[in-house]
Amino acid sequence: MTVLVMETASAPLRGMLSRWFLELRPGVFVGNVSAAVRAELQKFILEREDRRSAVMIFSAQSEQGFSVWMAGYPKRRPTDYDGLILMTIESGQDDSPSRDELDY
């Protein structure tokens, strides 16, 4: 299973994602795609979705059973601690978005 969360996904990307994913709510996509399709989607996001945050969680052979891929400027970053993925936030950083960060 793959879950993709995007902030302000463009219309062309949302249309493309609707081929493989179910959009549960705006910007939240869930589906079961192959590694090849997942790689192409990641490439598309990196090339065309400038300044938009994307987080993809997908099944993987790991202790936790999943892996994380991120693009853009997310507030939280995955950090590997002895094979476990933990999310880190820079100290002093507020978790709520500022008005400037919402204006893409």
C-alpha atoms as a PDB file:
ATOM      1  CA  MET A   1       0.000   0.000   0.000  1.00  0.00           C
ATOM      2  CA  THR A   2       1.133   3.528  -0.748  1.00  0.00           C
ATOM      3  CA  VAL A   3      -0.056   6.767   0.841  1.00  0.00           C
ATOM      4  CA  LEU A   4       0.835  10.114  -0.733  1.00  0.00           C
ATOM      5  CA  VAL A   5       0.113  13.414   1.002  1.00  0.00           C
ATOM      6  CA  MET A   6       0.651  16.624  -0.937  1.00  0.00           C
ATOM      7  CA  GLU A   7       0.115  20.233   0.017  1.00  0.00           C
ATOM      8  CA  THR A   8      -1.618  22.104  -2.818  1.00  0.00           C
ATOM      9  CA  ALA A   9      -1.221  19.478  -5.549  1.00  0.00           C
ATOM     10  CA  SER A  10      -1.596  20.898  -9.059  1.00  0.00           C
ATOM     11  CA  ALA A  11      -4.556  19.899 -11.251  1.00  0.00           C
ATOM     12  CA  PRO A  12      -2.399  17.914 -13.753  1.00  0.00           C
ATOM     13  CA  LEU A  13      -0.806  15.946 -10.915  1.00  0.00           C
ATOM     14  CA  ARG A  14      -4.165  15.242  -9.251  1.00  0.00           C
ATOM     15  CA  GLY A  15      -5.488  13.984 -12.586  1.00  0.00           C
ATOM     16  CA  MET A  16      -2.487  11.732 -13.072  1.00  0.00           C
ATOM     17  CA  LEU A  17      -2.695  10.385  -9.526  1.00  0.00           C
ATOM     18  CA  SER A  18      -6.376   9.520  -9.987  1.00  0.00           C
ATOM     19  CA  ARG A  19      -5.252   6.747 -12.379  1.00  0.00           C
ATOM     20  CA  TRP A  20      -3.671   4.777  -9.545  1.00  0.00           C
ATOM     21  CA  PHE A  21      -4.924   6.274  -6.291  1.00  0.00           C
ATOM     22  CA  LEU A  22      -8.131   7.021  -4.469  1.00  0.00           C
ATOM     23  CA  GLU A  23      -8.198  10.627  -3.213  1.00  0.00           C
ATOM     24  CA  LEU A  24      -9.625  10.324   0.315  1.00  0.00           C
ATOM     25  CA  ARG A  25      -9.596  14.055   0.902  1.00  0.00           C
ATOM     26  CA  PRO A  26      -7.849  16.937  -0.866  1.00  0.00           C
ATOM     27  CA  GLY A  27      -4.168  16.069  -1.224  1.00  0.00           C
ATOM     28  CA  VAL A  28      -4.382  12.623   0.440  1.00  0.00           C
ATOM     29  CA  PHE A  29      -4.020   9.710  -1.992  1.00  0.00           C
ATOM     30  CA  VAL A  30      -4.080   5.987  -1.180  1.00  0.00           C
ATOM     31  CA  GLY A  31      -3.402   3.083  -3.520  1.00  0.00           C
ATOM     32  CA  ASN A  32      -1.413  -0.019  -4.299  1.00  0.00           C
ATOM     33  CA  VAL A  33       1.177   0.707  -6.984  1.00  0.00           C
ATOM     34  CA  SER A  34       4.295  -1.074  -8.187  1.00  0.00           C
ATOM     35  CA  ALA A  35       7.798   0.150  -7.407  1.00  0.00           C
ATOM     36  CA  ALA A  36       8.185   1.257 -11.041  1.00  0.00           C
ATOM     37  CA  VAL A  37       5.035   3.409 -10.936  1.00  0.00           C
ATOM     38  CA  ARG A  38       6.081   4.814  -7.554  1.00  0.00           C
ATOM     39  CA  ALA A  39       9.501   5.781  -8.971  1.00  0.00           C
ATOM     40  CA  GLU A  40       7.891   7.523 -11.960  1.00  0.00           C
ATOM     41  CA  LEU A  41       5.532   9.448  -9.661  1.00  0.00           C
ATOM     42  CA  GLN A  42       8.443  10.532  -7.482  1.00  0.00           C
ATOM     43  CA  LYS A  43      10.321  11.695 -10.571  1.00  0.00           C
ATOM     44  CA  PHE A  44       7.264  13.607 -11.822  1.00  0.00           C
ATOM     45  CA  ILE A  45       6.796  15.303  -8.440  1.00  0.00           C
ATOM     46  CA  LEU A  46      10.462  16.311  -8.219  1.00  0.00           C
ATOM     47  CA  GLU A  47      10.521  17.730 -11.755  1.00  0.00           C
ATOM     48  CA  ARG A  48       7.190  19.545 -11.896  1.00  0.00           C
ATOM     49  CA  GLU A  49       5.884  20.266  -8.422  1.00  0.00           C
ATOM     50  CA  ASP A  50       8.271  23.039  -7.388  1.00  0.00           C
ATOM     51  CA  ARG A  51       8.025  24.209  -3.745  1.00  0.00           C
ATOM     52  CA  ARG A  52       5.209  21.819  -2.877  1.00  0.00           C
ATOM     53  CA  SER A  53       5.658  19.416  -0.011  1.00  0.00           C
ATOM     54  CA  ALA A  54       5.039  15.746  -0.703  1.00  0.00           C
ATOM     55  CA  VAL A  55       5.256  12.804   1.677  1.00  0.00           C
ATOM     56  CA  MET A  56       4.982   9.244   0.397  1.00  0.00           C
ATOM     57  CA  ILE A  57       4.746   6.245   2.722  1.00  0.00           C
ATOM     58  CA  PHE A  58       4.949   2.811   1.124  1.00  0.00           C
ATOM     59  CA  SER A  59       5.310  -0.826   2.120  1.00  0.00           C
ATOM     60  CA  ALA A  60       8.910  -1.982   2.432  1.00  0.00           C
ATOM     61  CA  GLN A  61      10.949  -4.837   3.873  1.00  0.00           C
ATOM     62  CA  SER A  62      12.001  -3.080   7.081  1.00  0.00           C
ATOM     63  CA  GLU A  63      11.456  -3.391  10.823  1.00  0.00           C
ATOM     64  CA  GLN A  64       8.523  -0.980  10.632  1.00  0.00           C
ATOM     65  CA  GLY A  65       7.129  -2.466   7.426  1.00  0.00           C
ATOM     66  CA  PHE A  66       7.227   0.837   5.537  1.00  0.00           C
ATOM     67  CA  SER A  67       9.549   3.453   4.127  1.00  0.00           C
ATOM     68  CA  VAL A  68       9.207   7.234   3.773  1.00  0.00           C
ATOM     69  CA  TRP A  69      10.010   9.466   0.793  1.00  0.00           C
ATOM     70  CA  MET A  70       9.751  13.258   1.039  1.00  0.00           C
ATOM     71  CA  ALA A  71      10.080  16.133  -1.402  1.00  0.00           C
ATOM     72  CA  GLY A  72       9.754  19.889  -1.199  1.00  0.00           C
ATOM     73  CA  TYR A  73       9.949  21.739   2.069  1.00  0.00           C
ATOM     74  CA  PRO A  74       8.278  19.618   4.742  1.00  0.00           C
ATOM     75  CA  LYS A  75       8.416  20.794   8.333  1.00  0.00           C
ATOM     76  CA  ARG A  76       9.285  17.329   9.577  1.00  0.00           C
ATOM     77  CA  ARG A  77      12.098  15.149   8.251  1.00  0.00           C
ATOM     78  CA  PRO A  78      12.527  11.389   8.542  1.00  0.00           C
ATOM     79  CA  THR A  79      15.683  10.358  10.352  1.00  0.00           C
ATOM     80  CA  ASP A  80      17.053   6.829  10.461  1.00  0.00           C
ATOM     81  CA  TYR A  81      17.972   5.690  13.979  1.00  0.00           C
ATOM     82  CA  ASP A  82      19.438   2.179  13.794  1.00  0.00           C
ATOM     83  CA  GLY A  83      16.934   1.059  11.163  1.00  0.00           C
ATOM     84  CA  LEU A  84      13.896   2.843  12.618  1.00  0.00           C
ATOM     85  CA  ILE A  85      12.442   5.896  10.927  1.00  0.00           C
ATOM     86  CA  LEU A  86      11.661   8.725  13.330  1.00  0.00           C
ATOM     87  CA  MET A  87      10.364  12.173  12.424  1.00  0.00           C
ATOM     88  CA  THR A  88      12.411  15.138  13.599  1.00  0.00           C
ATOM     89  CA  ILE A  89      11.574  18.820  13.849  1.00  0.00           C
ATOM     90  CA  GLU A  90      14.288  21.434  14.181  1.00  0.00           C
ATOM     91  CA  SER A  91      14.383  22.862  17.688  1.00  0.00           C
ATOM     92  CA  GLY A  92      12.530  26.127  18.066  1.00  0.00           C
ATOM     93  CA  GLN A  93      10.383  25.397  15.020  1.00  0.00           C
ATOM     94  CA  ASP A  94       6.649  25.756  15.524  1.00  0.00           C
ATOM     95  CA  ASP A  95       4.541  22.939  14.074  1.00  0.00           C
ATOM     96  CA  SER A  96       1.828  25.304  12.784  1.00  0.00           C
ATOM     97  CA  PRO A  97       2.351  26.822   9.307  1.00  0.00           C
ATOM     98  CA  SER A  98       2.865  30.557   8.971  1.00  0.00           C
ATOM     99  CA  ARG A  99       0.843  32.644   6.523  1.00  0.00           C
ATOM    100  CA  ASP A 100       3.874  33.011   4.203  1.00  0.00           C
ATOM    101  CA  GLU A 101       4.322  29.237   4.002  1.00  0.00           C
ATOM    102  CA  LEU A 102       0.705  28.767   2.914  1.00  0.00           C
ATOM    103  CA  ASP A 103       0.972  31.160  -0.066  1.00  0.00           C
ATOM    104  CA  TYR A 104       2.388  29.020  -2.871  1.00  0.00           C
END
